Amino acid sequence: MPRQAATSEASPDDRVVVFKGKDEYLRSLRTERLIERVREARGDAEAIRFDGASADPADVLDECRSLDLLLRPKVVVVDEAEKLVRESARPLFERYAENPPDSAVLVLRSGAWRPGKLDKLIAKVGSIIDCDHLTPSQAANWAAGRARKRHETTLEPAAAARLVERLGVDLGRLDSEVAKLAAAVAADPGATSITAEHVRELVGATREEEAWAIQARLLAGPEEALSAVREALEDWRQPPVMVMFACVDLARKVHGASRLLGQGVPPQGVAKQLKLWGDSRDGVLAVARRVDPDRAARALRRLIGLDRDSKSGAIRPEVAPELAALEFASLGGR
């Protein structure tokens, strides 16, 4: 079997390597690491790159087979390899994988690699390595490692978790923000590590996160609820449709929590099933305890109706979030 399950790195002794998966940044990182390892093990290596969408299969394989004028090893990298290793060209690559030269490493990078006979041949002479998106915990660990190795600073666990919560698991975005945070810490004589407070202050919230941030406030009483939607619309310049989406989502959570609590599901089980997190978690559970499922269902239907009316022009879009805030106030906000 290919070594995809055993390791995340290719060996400098590999002759054919496939980096497959949707995370382009991870494919790139692992390619550069392979080139470094080849140079460490075998001396200076020439990296030659092809675009799989336009390259000719014969030209790529000829490059792999031809010796460098200075007898340096080659690392031949092909992007969008699934377009190069198409059905008609697969026999060429199968024959190549049966007896690849020692002087080159063929690296096929693909976001949509199609498995087949070629994989079994590659497994004998190289590696097939998954480069799909990491889980949140893996991404947080990666970010902490990146801060330590590349920037010689510490990204605290809570800060790493907050960074991933805010940005997601895209390693390119995480890398950019870790570099920015590390520079800020280096410029601050009183800072010794990157903290969650640094992330809160320096990493901008996404538009979606800003909209979702109003959910906890919608359950804090009529004045706070109205203030939250007005700030979202006026200060954050959120489109009304995004604010209403957050409102309807919150109503669904309250209804779901009320129903599950009524069935005897413990609060922690409710939070897990409904993916309740952040500041709105306790508010949703508190309101759900006070409101029966039928009442919560009626509120949800009204909010869905408001959302529909705002999109159809029956009411002005900017009015719908304020009416939604009043609905939450009547539902059980303090």
C-alpha atoms as a PDB file:
ATOM      1  CA  MET A   1       0.000   0.000   0.000  1.00  0.00           C
ATOM      2  CA  PRO A   2       1.147   3.613  -0.507  1.00  0.00           C
ATOM      3  CA  ARG A   3       2.759   5.171   2.545  1.00  0.00           C
ATOM      4  CA  GLN A   4       0.017   7.793   2.849  1.00  0.00           C
ATOM      5  CA  ALA A   5      -1.238   6.274   6.111  1.00  0.00           C
ATOM      6  CA  ALA A   6       2.184   6.011   7.734  1.00  0.00           C
ATOM      7  CA  THR A   7       3.769   9.416   7.250  1.00  0.00           C
ATOM      8  CA  SER A   8       3.077  13.003   6.280  1.00  0.00           C
ATOM      9  CA  GLU A   9       6.534  13.488   4.737  1.00  0.00           C
ATOM     10  CA  ALA A  10       8.126  12.043   1.640  1.00  0.00           C
ATOM     11  CA  SER A  11      11.555  10.439   1.807  1.00  0.00           C
ATOM     12  CA  PRO A  12      14.525  11.785  -0.161  1.00  0.00           C
ATOM     13  CA  ASP A  13      14.934   8.210  -1.418  1.00  0.00           C
ATOM     14  CA  ASP A  14      11.494   8.267  -3.074  1.00  0.00           C
ATOM     15  CA  ARG A  15      11.457   8.332  -6.864  1.00  0.00           C
ATOM     16  CA  VAL A  16       7.787   9.257  -7.357  1.00  0.00           C
ATOM     17  CA  VAL A  17       5.704  11.192  -4.833  1.00  0.00           C
ATOM     18  CA  VAL A  18       2.039  12.177  -4.983  1.00  0.00           C
ATOM     19  CA  PHE A  19       0.828  14.984  -2.729  1.00  0.00           C
ATOM     20  CA  LYS A  20      -2.955  14.749  -3.016  1.00  0.00           C
ATOM     21  CA  GLY A  21      -5.695  16.673  -1.246  1.00  0.00           C
ATOM     22  CA  LYS A  22      -7.554  19.960  -1.194  1.00  0.00           C
ATOM     23  CA  ASP A  23      -5.131  22.007   0.921  1.00  0.00           C
ATOM     24  CA  GLU A  24      -2.911  23.675  -1.671  1.00  0.00           C
ATOM     25  CA  TYR A  25      -0.771  25.340   0.977  1.00  0.00           C
ATOM     26  CA  LEU A  26      -0.094  22.002   2.676  1.00  0.00           C
ATOM     27  CA  ARG A  27       0.869  20.453  -0.677  1.00  0.00           C
ATOM     28  CA  SER A  28       3.297  23.307  -1.209  1.00  0.00           C
ATOM     29  CA  LEU A  29       4.783  23.073   2.299  1.00  0.00           C
ATOM     30  CA  ARG A  30       5.405  19.346   1.958  1.00  0.00           C
ATOM     31  CA  THR A  31       6.938  19.796  -1.493  1.00  0.00           C
ATOM     32  CA  GLU A  32       9.390  22.394  -0.216  1.00  0.00           C
ATOM     33  CA  ARG A  33      10.259  20.155   2.713  1.00  0.00           C
ATOM     34  CA  LEU A  34      10.952  17.270   0.310  1.00  0.00           C
ATOM     35  CA  ILE A  35      13.234  19.467  -1.803  1.00  0.00           C
ATOM     36  CA  GLU A  36      15.128  20.446   1.361  1.00  0.00           C
ATOM     37  CA  ARG A  37      15.507  16.808   2.394  1.00  0.00           C
ATOM     38  CA  VAL A  38      16.754  15.794  -1.051  1.00  0.00           C
ATOM     39  CA  ARG A  39      19.372  18.559  -0.910  1.00  0.00           C
ATOM     40  CA  GLU A  40      20.388  17.546   2.603  1.00  0.00           C
ATOM     41  CA  ALA A  41      20.749  13.883   1.595  1.00  0.00           C
ATOM     42  CA  ARG A  42      22.097  14.128  -1.946  1.00  0.00           C
ATOM     43  CA  GLY A  43      23.610  17.557  -2.412  1.00  0.00           C
ATOM     44  CA  ASP A  44      22.339  20.513  -4.405  1.00  0.00           C
ATOM     45  CA  ALA A  45      19.209  19.550  -6.333  1.00  0.00           C
ATOM     46  CA  GLU A  46      17.553  21.354  -9.207  1.00  0.00           C
ATOM     47  CA  ALA A  47      13.799  21.955  -8.849  1.00  0.00           C
ATOM     48  CA  ILE A  48      11.979  21.975 -12.197  1.00  0.00           C
ATOM     49  CA  ARG A  49       8.286  22.853 -12.328  1.00  0.00           C
ATOM     50  CA  PHE A  50       5.530  22.056 -14.831  1.00  0.00           C
ATOM     51  CA  ASP A  51       1.893  23.074 -15.127  1.00  0.00           C
ATOM     52  CA  GLY A  52      -0.058  19.856 -15.536  1.00  0.00           C
ATOM     53  CA  ALA A  53      -2.852  21.628 -17.391  1.00  0.00           C
ATOM     54  CA  SER A  54      -0.585  22.557 -20.294  1.00  0.00           C
ATOM     55  CA  ALA A  55       2.494  20.300 -20.099  1.00  0.00           C
ATOM     56  CA  ASP A  56       3.038  17.350 -22.401  1.00  0.00           C
ATOM     57  CA  PRO A  57       3.428  14.023 -20.530  1.00  0.00           C
ATOM     58  CA  ALA A  58       6.363  12.971 -22.726  1.00  0.00           C
ATOM     59  CA  ASP A  59       8.219  16.237 -21.991  1.00  0.00           C
ATOM     60  CA  VAL A  60       7.799  15.773 -18.240  1.00  0.00           C
ATOM     61  CA  LEU A  61       9.027  12.172 -18.304  1.00  0.00           C
ATOM     62  CA  ASP A  62      11.922  13.036 -20.636  1.00  0.00           C
ATOM     63  CA  GLU A  63      12.982  15.698 -18.123  1.00  0.00           C
ATOM     64  CA  CYS A  64      12.947  13.094 -15.365  1.00  0.00           C
ATOM     65  CA  ARG A  65      15.033  10.649 -17.381  1.00  0.00           C
ATOM     66  CA  SER A  66      17.625  13.110 -18.709  1.00  0.00           C
ATOM     67  CA  LEU A  67      20.744  13.766 -16.635  1.00  0.00           C
ATOM     68  CA  ASP A  68      21.520  17.230 -15.346  1.00  0.00           C
ATOM     69  CA  LEU A  69      24.608  18.753 -17.005  1.00  0.00           C
ATOM     70  CA  LEU A  70      26.210  19.137 -13.581  1.00  0.00           C
ATOM     71  CA  LEU A  71      24.995  15.671 -12.512  1.00  0.00           C
ATOM     72  CA  ARG A  72      22.782  17.191  -9.853  1.00  0.00           C
ATOM     73  CA  PRO A  73      19.652  15.303  -8.724  1.00  0.00           C
ATOM     74  CA  LYS A  74      16.359  16.704  -9.987  1.00  0.00           C
ATOM     75  CA  VAL A  75      13.027  17.283  -8.298  1.00  0.00           C
ATOM     76  CA  VAL A  76      10.435  17.569 -11.076  1.00  0.00           C
ATOM     77  CA  VAL A  77       7.242  19.128  -9.678  1.00  0.00           C
ATOM     78  CA  VAL A  78       3.941  18.981 -11.564  1.00  0.00           C
ATOM     79  CA  ASP A  79       0.930  21.035 -10.429  1.00  0.00           C
ATOM     80  CA  GLU A  80      -2.618  19.975 -11.347  1.00  0.00           C
ATOM     81  CA  ALA A  81      -1.182  16.532 -11.979  1.00  0.00           C
ATOM     82  CA  GLU A  82      -4.626  15.005 -12.498  1.00  0.00           C
ATOM     83  CA  LYS A  83      -4.776  16.910 -15.796  1.00  0.00           C
ATOM     84  CA  LEU A  84      -1.387  15.608 -16.878  1.00  0.00           C
ATOM     85  CA  VAL A  85      -1.925  11.993 -15.787  1.00  0.00           C
ATOM     86  CA  ARG A  86      -5.157  11.716 -17.736  1.00  0.00           C
ATOM     87  CA  GLU A  87      -6.545   8.393 -18.919  1.00  0.00           C
ATOM     88  CA  SER A  88      -4.687   8.358 -22.232  1.00  0.00           C
ATOM     89  CA  ALA A  89      -1.373   9.219 -20.546  1.00  0.00           C
ATOM     90  CA  ARG A  90      -1.623   6.810 -17.612  1.00  0.00           C
ATOM     91  CA  PRO A  91       0.209   3.954 -19.390  1.00  0.00           C
ATOM     92  CA  LEU A  92       3.221   6.274 -19.879  1.00  0.00           C
ATOM     93  CA  PHE A  93       3.380   7.021 -16.158  1.00  0.00           C
ATOM     94  CA  GLU A  94       2.788   3.386 -15.241  1.00  0.00           C
ATOM     95  CA  ARG A  95       5.766   2.334 -17.363  1.00  0.00           C
ATOM     96  CA  TYR A  96       7.839   5.116 -15.826  1.00  0.00           C
ATOM     97  CA  ALA A  97       6.903   4.078 -12.254  1.00  0.00           C
ATOM     98  CA  GLU A  98       7.989   0.494 -12.992  1.00  0.00           C
ATOM     99  CA  ASN A  99      11.597   1.659 -13.450  1.00  0.00           C
ATOM    100  CA  PRO A 100      12.185   5.306 -12.494  1.00  0.00           C
ATOM    101  CA  PRO A 101      15.759   6.645 -12.616  1.00  0.00           C
ATOM    102  CA  ASP A 102      17.699   7.297  -9.413  1.00  0.00           C
ATOM    103  CA  SER A 103      18.622  10.798 -10.602  1.00  0.00           C
ATOM    104  CA  ALA A 104      15.160  12.356 -10.266  1.00  0.00           C
ATOM    105  CA  VAL A 105      12.176  12.624  -7.952  1.00  0.00           C
ATOM    106  CA  LEU A 106       8.878  13.110  -9.791  1.00  0.00           C
ATOM    107  CA  VAL A 107       6.411  15.043  -7.600  1.00  0.00           C
ATOM    108  CA  LEU A 108       2.766  14.996  -8.686  1.00  0.00           C
ATOM    109  CA  ARG A 109       0.605  17.531  -6.856  1.00  0.00           C
ATOM    110  CA  SER A 110      -3.150  17.206  -7.197  1.00  0.00           C
ATOM    111  CA  GLY A 111      -6.311  18.385  -5.518  1.00  0.00           C
ATOM    112  CA  ALA A 112      -8.337  15.669  -7.279  1.00  0.00           C
ATOM    113  CA  TRP A 113      -6.085  12.654  -7.682  1.00  0.00           C
ATOM    114  CA  ARG A 114      -7.781   9.566  -9.152  1.00  0.00           C
ATOM    115  CA  PRO A 115      -6.498   6.287  -7.651  1.00  0.00           C
ATOM    116  CA  GLY A 116      -5.789   3.260  -9.824  1.00  0.00           C
ATOM    117  CA  LYS A 117      -3.107   0.832 -10.937  1.00  0.00           C
ATOM    118  CA  LEU A 118      -0.546   3.633 -10.952  1.00  0.00           C
ATOM    119  CA  ASP A 119      -0.880   4.030  -7.165  1.00  0.00           C
ATOM    120  CA  LYS A 120       0.288   0.452  -6.569  1.00  0.00           C
ATOM    121  CA  LEU A 121       3.332   1.018  -8.767  1.00  0.00           C
ATOM    122  CA  ILE A 122       4.159   4.301  -7.038  1.00  0.00           C
ATOM    123  CA  ALA A 123       3.902   2.585  -3.635  1.00  0.00           C
ATOM    124  CA  LYS A 124       6.889   0.405  -4.572  1.00  0.00           C
ATOM    125  CA  VAL A 125       9.145   3.344  -5.432  1.00  0.00           C
ATOM    126  CA  GLY A 126       7.730   6.287  -3.487  1.00  0.00           C
ATOM    127  CA  SER A 127       4.877   7.725  -1.462  1.00  0.00           C
ATOM    128  CA  ILE A 128       1.304   8.913  -1.792  1.00  0.00           C
ATOM    129  CA  ILE A 129       0.628  11.493   0.902  1.00  0.00           C
ATOM    130  CA  ASP A 130      -2.694  13.042   1.885  1.00  0.00           C
ATOM    131  CA  CYS A 131      -2.815  16.843   2.017  1.00  0.00           C
ATOM    132  CA  ASP A 132      -6.406  17.433   3.034  1.00  0.00           C
ATOM    133  CA  HIS A 133      -7.404  20.137   5.498  1.00  0.00           C
ATOM    134  CA  LEU A 134      -6.323  19.467   9.062  1.00  0.00           C
ATOM    135  CA  THR A 135      -8.765  19.175  11.935  1.00  0.00           C
ATOM    136  CA  PRO A 136      -9.056  22.269  14.186  1.00  0.00           C
ATOM    137  CA  SER A 137      -6.837  20.683  16.860  1.00  0.00           C
ATOM    138  CA  GLN A 138      -4.233  19.673  14.257  1.00  0.00           C
ATOM    139  CA  ALA A 139      -4.306  23.168  12.750  1.00  0.00           C
ATOM    140  CA  ALA A 140      -3.823  24.725  16.200  1.00  0.00           C
ATOM    141  CA  ASN A 141      -0.832  22.453  16.855  1.00  0.00           C
ATOM    142  CA  TRP A 142       0.565  23.301  13.424  1.00  0.00           C
ATOM    143  CA  ALA A 143       0.232  27.035  14.100  1.00  0.00           C
ATOM    144  CA  ALA A 144       2.002  26.663  17.451  1.00  0.00           C
ATOM    145  CA  GLY A 145       4.799  24.717  15.788  1.00  0.00           C
ATOM    146  CA  ARG A 146       5.076  27.301  13.023  1.00  0.00           C
ATOM    147  CA  ALA A 147       5.396  30.104  15.574  1.00  0.00           C
ATOM    148  CA  ARG A 148       8.129  28.209  17.421  1.00  0.00           C
ATOM    149  CA  LYS A 149      10.190  27.041  14.445  1.00  0.00           C
ATOM    150  CA  ARG A 150       9.814  29.916  11.991  1.00  0.00           C
ATOM    151  CA  HIS A 151       9.435  32.889  14.343  1.00  0.00           C
ATOM    152  CA  GLU A 152      11.092  31.642  17.547  1.00  0.00           C
ATOM    153  CA  THR A 153       8.156  32.612  19.711  1.00  0.00           C
ATOM    154  CA  THR A 154       5.467  30.801  21.680  1.00  0.00           C
ATOM    155  CA  LEU A 155       1.857  30.693  20.551  1.00  0.00           C
ATOM    156  CA  GLU A 156      -0.056  29.811  23.708  1.00  0.00           C
ATOM    157  CA  PRO A 157      -2.584  26.929  23.425  1.00  0.00           C
ATOM    158  CA  ALA A 158      -5.567  29.198  24.094  1.00  0.00           C
ATOM    159  CA  ALA A 159      -4.276  31.651  21.482  1.00  0.00           C
ATOM    160  CA  ALA A 160      -3.803  28.872  18.916  1.00  0.00           C
ATOM    161  CA  ALA A 161      -7.324  27.591  19.529  1.00  0.00           C
ATOM    162  CA  ARG A 162      -8.741  31.116  19.243  1.00  0.00           C
ATOM    163  CA  LEU A 163      -6.805  31.739  16.034  1.00  0.00           C
ATOM    164  CA  VAL A 164      -8.243  28.606  14.420  1.00  0.00           C
ATOM    165  CA  GLU A 165     -11.719  29.424  15.726  1.00  0.00           C
ATOM    166  CA  ARG A 166     -11.460  32.838  14.079  1.00  0.00           C
ATOM    167  CA  LEU A 167      -9.762  31.904  10.795  1.00  0.00           C
ATOM    168  CA  GLY A 168     -10.545  28.242  10.242  1.00  0.00           C
ATOM    169  CA  VAL A 169      -8.018  25.575   9.234  1.00  0.00           C
ATOM    170  CA  ASP A 170      -6.612  27.196   6.078  1.00  0.00           C
ATOM    171  CA  LEU A 171      -2.855  26.973   6.695  1.00  0.00           C
ATOM    172  CA  GLY A 172      -2.048  29.855   4.357  1.00  0.00           C
ATOM    173  CA  ARG A 173      -4.188  32.262   6.393  1.00  0.00           C
ATOM    174  CA  LEU A 174      -2.885  30.863   9.673  1.00  0.00           C
ATOM    175  CA  ASP A 175       0.724  31.241   8.534  1.00  0.00           C
ATOM    176  CA  SER A 176       0.167  34.871   7.565  1.00  0.00           C
ATOM    177  CA  GLU A 177      -1.496  35.746  10.870  1.00  0.00           C
ATOM    178  CA  VAL A 178       1.106  33.899  12.960  1.00  0.00           C
ATOM    179  CA  ALA A 179       3.807  35.969  11.245  1.00  0.00           C
ATOM    180  CA  LYS A 180       1.910  39.186  12.035  1.00  0.00           C
ATOM    181  CA  LEU A 181       1.356  38.191  15.655  1.00  0.00           C
ATOM    182  CA  ALA A 182       4.994  37.183  16.088  1.00  0.00           C
ATOM    183  CA  ALA A 183       6.142  40.561  14.754  1.00  0.00           C
ATOM    184  CA  ALA A 184       3.826  42.359  17.191  1.00  0.00           C
ATOM    185  CA  VAL A 185       5.174  40.361  20.139  1.00  0.00           C
ATOM    186  CA  ALA A 186       8.776  40.976  19.067  1.00  0.00           C
ATOM    187  CA  ALA A 187       8.099  44.718  19.007  1.00  0.00           C
ATOM    188  CA  ASP A 188       6.587  44.709  22.513  1.00  0.00           C
ATOM    189  CA  PRO A 189       9.257  44.569  25.260  1.00  0.00           C
ATOM    190  CA  GLY A 190       6.657  43.422  27.788  1.00  0.00           C
ATOM    191  CA  ALA A 191       5.392  40.461  25.733  1.00  0.00           C
ATOM    192  CA  THR A 192       6.942  37.010  26.018  1.00  0.00           C
ATOM    193  CA  SER A 193       4.461  34.965  23.976  1.00  0.00           C
ATOM    194  CA  ILE A 194       1.417  35.271  21.722  1.00  0.00           C
ATOM    195  CA  THR A 195      -1.682  35.234  23.912  1.00  0.00           C
ATOM    196  CA  ALA A 196      -5.398  34.897  23.224  1.00  0.00           C
ATOM    197  CA  GLU A 197      -5.665  38.628  23.907  1.00  0.00           C
ATOM    198  CA  HIS A 198      -3.191  39.323  21.087  1.00  0.00           C
ATOM    199  CA  VAL A 199      -5.365  37.260  18.756  1.00  0.00           C
ATOM    200  CA  ARG A 200      -8.490  39.087  19.861  1.00  0.00           C
ATOM    201  CA  GLU A 201      -6.906  42.501  19.316  1.00  0.00           C
ATOM    202  CA  LEU A 202      -4.855  41.902  16.169  1.00  0.00           C
ATOM    203  CA  VAL A 203      -6.672  39.290  14.081  1.00  0.00           C
ATOM    204  CA  GLY A 204      -9.678  40.763  12.356  1.00  0.00           C
ATOM    205  CA  ALA A 205     -12.979  38.952  12.680  1.00  0.00           C
ATOM    206  CA  THR A 206     -14.574  37.666   9.511  1.00  0.00           C
ATOM    207  CA  ARG A 207     -17.881  39.143   8.377  1.00  0.00           C
ATOM    208  CA  GLU A 208     -19.591  35.910   9.398  1.00  0.00           C
ATOM    209  CA  GLU A 209     -18.073  36.013  12.882  1.00  0.00           C
ATOM    210  CA  GLU A 210     -19.160  39.617  13.357  1.00  0.00           C
ATOM    211  CA  ALA A 211     -22.719  38.680  12.442  1.00  0.00           C
ATOM    212  CA  TRP A 212     -22.700  35.637  14.728  1.00  0.00           C
ATOM    213  CA  ALA A 213     -21.329  37.751  17.592  1.00  0.00           C
ATOM    214  CA  ILE A 214     -24.771  39.336  18.074  1.00  0.00           C
ATOM    215  CA  GLN A 215     -26.388  36.029  19.072  1.00  0.00           C
ATOM    216  CA  ALA A 216     -25.479  36.216  22.771  1.00  0.00           C
ATOM    217  CA  ARG A 217     -26.683  39.833  22.930  1.00  0.00           C
ATOM    218  CA  LEU A 218     -30.022  39.001  21.291  1.00  0.00           C
ATOM    219  CA  LEU A 219     -30.880  36.965  24.386  1.00  0.00           C
ATOM    220  CA  ALA A 220     -29.868  39.668  26.885  1.00  0.00           C
ATOM    221  CA  GLY A 221     -33.085  41.711  26.913  1.00  0.00           C
ATOM    222  CA  PRO A 222     -34.832  44.134  24.519  1.00  0.00           C
ATOM    223  CA  GLU A 223     -32.450  47.090  24.835  1.00  0.00           C
ATOM    224  CA  GLU A 224     -29.327  44.989  24.348  1.00  0.00           C
ATOM    225  CA  ALA A 225     -30.921  43.039  21.468  1.00  0.00           C
ATOM    226  CA  LEU A 226     -31.911  46.203  19.592  1.00  0.00           C
ATOM    227  CA  SER A 227     -28.498  47.724  20.227  1.00  0.00           C
ATOM    228  CA  ALA A 228     -26.816  44.586  18.860  1.00  0.00           C
ATOM    229  CA  VAL A 229     -28.652  44.548  15.532  1.00  0.00           C
ATOM    230  CA  ARG A 230     -28.250  48.316  15.064  1.00  0.00           C
ATOM    231  CA  GLU A 231     -24.509  48.068  15.654  1.00  0.00           C
ATOM    232  CA  ALA A 232     -24.285  45.159  13.202  1.00  0.00           C
ATOM    233  CA  LEU A 233     -26.136  47.118  10.534  1.00  0.00           C
ATOM    234  CA  GLU A 234     -24.671  50.579  11.096  1.00  0.00           C
ATOM    235  CA  ASP A 235     -21.238  50.204  12.692  1.00  0.00           C
ATOM    236  CA  TRP A 236     -20.119  46.873  11.236  1.00  0.00           C
ATOM    237  CA  ARG A 237     -21.978  47.532   7.967  1.00  0.00           C
ATOM    238  CA  GLN A 238     -23.326  44.002   7.895  1.00  0.00           C
ATOM    239  CA  PRO A 239     -25.910  43.344   5.159  1.00  0.00           C
ATOM    240  CA  PRO A 240     -29.391  42.795   6.648  1.00  0.00           C
ATOM    241  CA  VAL A 241     -29.566  39.347   5.055  1.00  0.00           C
ATOM    242  CA  MET A 242     -26.513  38.237   7.060  1.00  0.00           C
ATOM    243  CA  VAL A 243     -27.947  39.588  10.320  1.00  0.00           C
ATOM    244  CA  MET A 244     -31.259  37.847   9.673  1.00  0.00           C
ATOM    245  CA  PHE A 245     -29.445  34.612   8.921  1.00  0.00           C
ATOM    246  CA  ALA A 246     -27.805  34.825  12.365  1.00  0.00           C
ATOM    247  CA  CYS A 247     -31.196  35.580  13.955  1.00  0.00           C
ATOM    248  CA  VAL A 248     -32.938  32.621  12.326  1.00  0.00           C
ATOM    249  CA  ASP A 249     -30.006  30.379  13.226  1.00  0.00           C
ATOM    250  CA  LEU A 250     -30.311  31.454  16.869  1.00  0.00           C
ATOM    251  CA  ALA A 251     -34.050  30.755  16.874  1.00  0.00           C
ATOM    252  CA  ARG A 252     -33.357  27.263  15.535  1.00  0.00           C
ATOM    253  CA  LYS A 253     -30.868  26.691  18.359  1.00  0.00           C
ATOM    254  CA  VAL A 254     -33.337  27.842  21.025  1.00  0.00           C
ATOM    255  CA  HIS A 255     -36.074  25.617  19.608  1.00  0.00           C
ATOM    256  CA  GLY A 256     -33.739  22.632  19.315  1.00  0.00           C
ATOM    257  CA  ALA A 257     -32.393  23.130  22.849  1.00  0.00           C
ATOM    258  CA  SER A 258     -35.901  23.467  24.306  1.00  0.00           C
ATOM    259  CA  ARG A 259     -36.997  20.248  22.614  1.00  0.00           C
ATOM    260  CA  LEU A 260     -33.926  18.279  23.672  1.00  0.00           C
ATOM    261  CA  LEU A 261     -34.041  19.515  27.270  1.00  0.00           C
ATOM    262  CA  GLY A 262     -37.703  18.516  27.383  1.00  0.00           C
ATOM    263  CA  GLN A 263     -36.658  15.019  26.311  1.00  0.00           C
ATOM    264  CA  GLY A 264     -34.260  14.775  29.240  1.00  0.00           C
ATOM    265  CA  VAL A 265     -31.009  15.355  27.346  1.00  0.00           C
ATOM    266  CA  PRO A 266     -28.437  16.901  29.726  1.00  0.00           C
ATOM    267  CA  PRO A 267     -27.218  20.452  28.913  1.00  0.00           C
ATOM    268  CA  GLN A 268     -23.767  19.302  27.802  1.00  0.00           C
ATOM    269  CA  GLY A 269     -25.391  16.808  25.427  1.00  0.00           C
ATOM    270  CA  VAL A 270     -27.638  19.537  24.046  1.00  0.00           C
ATOM    271  CA  ALA A 271     -24.653  21.821  23.468  1.00  0.00           C
ATOM    272  CA  LYS A 272     -22.773  19.059  21.654  1.00  0.00           C
ATOM    273  CA  GLN A 273     -25.695  18.081  19.412  1.00  0.00           C
ATOM    274  CA  LEU A 274     -26.507  21.663  18.446  1.00  0.00           C
ATOM    275  CA  LYS A 275     -22.856  22.776  18.264  1.00  0.00           C
ATOM    276  CA  LEU A 276     -23.409  25.544  20.790  1.00  0.00           C
ATOM    277  CA  TRP A 277     -20.201  27.397  21.549  1.00  0.00           C
ATOM    278  CA  GLY A 278     -18.900  30.790  22.550  1.00  0.00           C
ATOM    279  CA  ASP A 279     -20.764  33.419  24.496  1.00  0.00           C
ATOM    280  CA  SER A 280     -24.204  32.430  23.177  1.00  0.00           C
ATOM    281  CA  ARG A 281     -24.099  28.874  24.605  1.00  0.00           C
ATOM    282  CA  ASP A 282     -25.243  29.685  28.145  1.00  0.00           C
ATOM    283  CA  GLY A 283     -27.823  32.172  26.897  1.00  0.00           C
ATOM    284  CA  VAL A 284     -29.418  29.647  24.555  1.00  0.00           C
ATOM    285  CA  LEU A 285     -29.622  27.013  27.295  1.00  0.00           C
ATOM    286  CA  ALA A 286     -31.046  29.508  29.815  1.00  0.00           C
ATOM    287  CA  VAL A 287     -33.823  30.647  27.469  1.00  0.00           C
ATOM    288  CA  ALA A 288     -34.521  27.082  26.359  1.00  0.00           C
ATOM    289  CA  ARG A 289     -35.120  26.067  29.975  1.00  0.00           C
ATOM    290  CA  ARG A 290     -37.769  28.782  30.347  1.00  0.00           C
ATOM    291  CA  VAL A 291     -39.565  28.333  27.015  1.00  0.00           C
ATOM    292  CA  ASP A 292     -41.521  25.252  25.980  1.00  0.00           C
ATOM    293  CA  PRO A 293     -40.830  23.765  22.525  1.00  0.00           C
ATOM    294  CA  ASP A 294     -44.176  24.897  21.054  1.00  0.00           C
ATOM    295  CA  ARG A 295     -43.522  28.525  21.991  1.00  0.00           C
ATOM    296  CA  ALA A 296     -39.982  28.295  20.596  1.00  0.00           C
ATOM    297  CA  ALA A 297     -41.328  26.758  17.380  1.00  0.00           C
ATOM    298  CA  ARG A 298     -43.792  29.629  16.913  1.00  0.00           C
ATOM    299  CA  ALA A 299     -40.964  32.151  17.351  1.00  0.00           C
ATOM    300  CA  LEU A 300     -38.869  30.301  14.806  1.00  0.00           C
ATOM    301  CA  ARG A 301     -41.721  30.336  12.265  1.00  0.00           C
ATOM    302  CA  ARG A 302     -42.199  34.080  12.773  1.00  0.00           C
ATOM    303  CA  LEU A 303     -38.513  34.762  12.231  1.00  0.00           C
ATOM    304  CA  ILE A 304     -38.479  32.632   9.074  1.00  0.00           C
ATOM    305  CA  GLY A 305     -41.473  34.656   7.903  1.00  0.00           C
ATOM    306  CA  LEU A 306     -39.670  37.934   8.644  1.00  0.00           C
ATOM    307  CA  ASP A 307     -36.649  36.731   6.704  1.00  0.00           C
ATOM    308  CA  ARG A 308     -38.855  35.754   3.750  1.00  0.00           C
ATOM    309  CA  ASP A 309     -40.720  39.083   3.800  1.00  0.00           C
ATOM    310  CA  SER A 310     -37.482  41.075   3.902  1.00  0.00           C
ATOM    311  CA  LYS A 311     -36.196  39.238   0.838  1.00  0.00           C
ATOM    312  CA  SER A 312     -39.454  39.565  -1.107  1.00  0.00           C
ATOM    313  CA  GLY A 313     -39.819  43.298  -0.442  1.00  0.00           C
ATOM    314  CA  ALA A 314     -42.883  42.963   1.801  1.00  0.00           C
ATOM    315  CA  ILE A 315     -40.911  44.847   4.479  1.00  0.00           C
ATOM    316  CA  ARG A 316     -37.719  46.878   4.282  1.00  0.00           C
ATOM    317  CA  PRO A 317     -34.679  44.605   4.797  1.00  0.00           C
ATOM    318  CA  GLU A 318     -33.176  46.790   7.532  1.00  0.00           C
ATOM    319  CA  VAL A 319     -36.395  46.616   9.570  1.00  0.00           C
ATOM    320  CA  ALA A 320     -36.493  42.821   9.789  1.00  0.00           C
ATOM    321  CA  PRO A 321     -33.513  42.483  12.206  1.00  0.00           C
ATOM    322  CA  GLU A 322     -35.085  44.969  14.629  1.00  0.00           C
ATOM    323  CA  LEU A 323     -38.377  43.051  14.588  1.00  0.00           C
ATOM    324  CA  ALA A 324     -36.376  39.870  15.148  1.00  0.00           C
ATOM    325  CA  ALA A 325     -34.713  41.461  18.186  1.00  0.00           C
ATOM    326  CA  LEU A 326     -38.131  42.245  19.665  1.00  0.00           C
ATOM    327  CA  GLU A 327     -39.205  38.645  19.042  1.00  0.00           C
ATOM    328  CA  PHE A 328     -36.235  37.385  21.061  1.00  0.00           C
ATOM    329  CA  ALA A 329     -37.102  39.840  23.833  1.00  0.00           C
ATOM    330  CA  SER A 330     -40.611  38.408  24.065  1.00  0.00           C
ATOM    331  CA  LEU A 331     -39.235  34.884  23.842  1.00  0.00           C
ATOM    332  CA  GLY A 332     -37.420  35.134  27.116  1.00  0.00           C
ATOM    333  CA  GLY A 333     -34.608  37.625  27.077  1.00  0.00           C
ATOM    334  CA  ARG A 334     -33.968  39.164  30.485  1.00  0.00           C
END
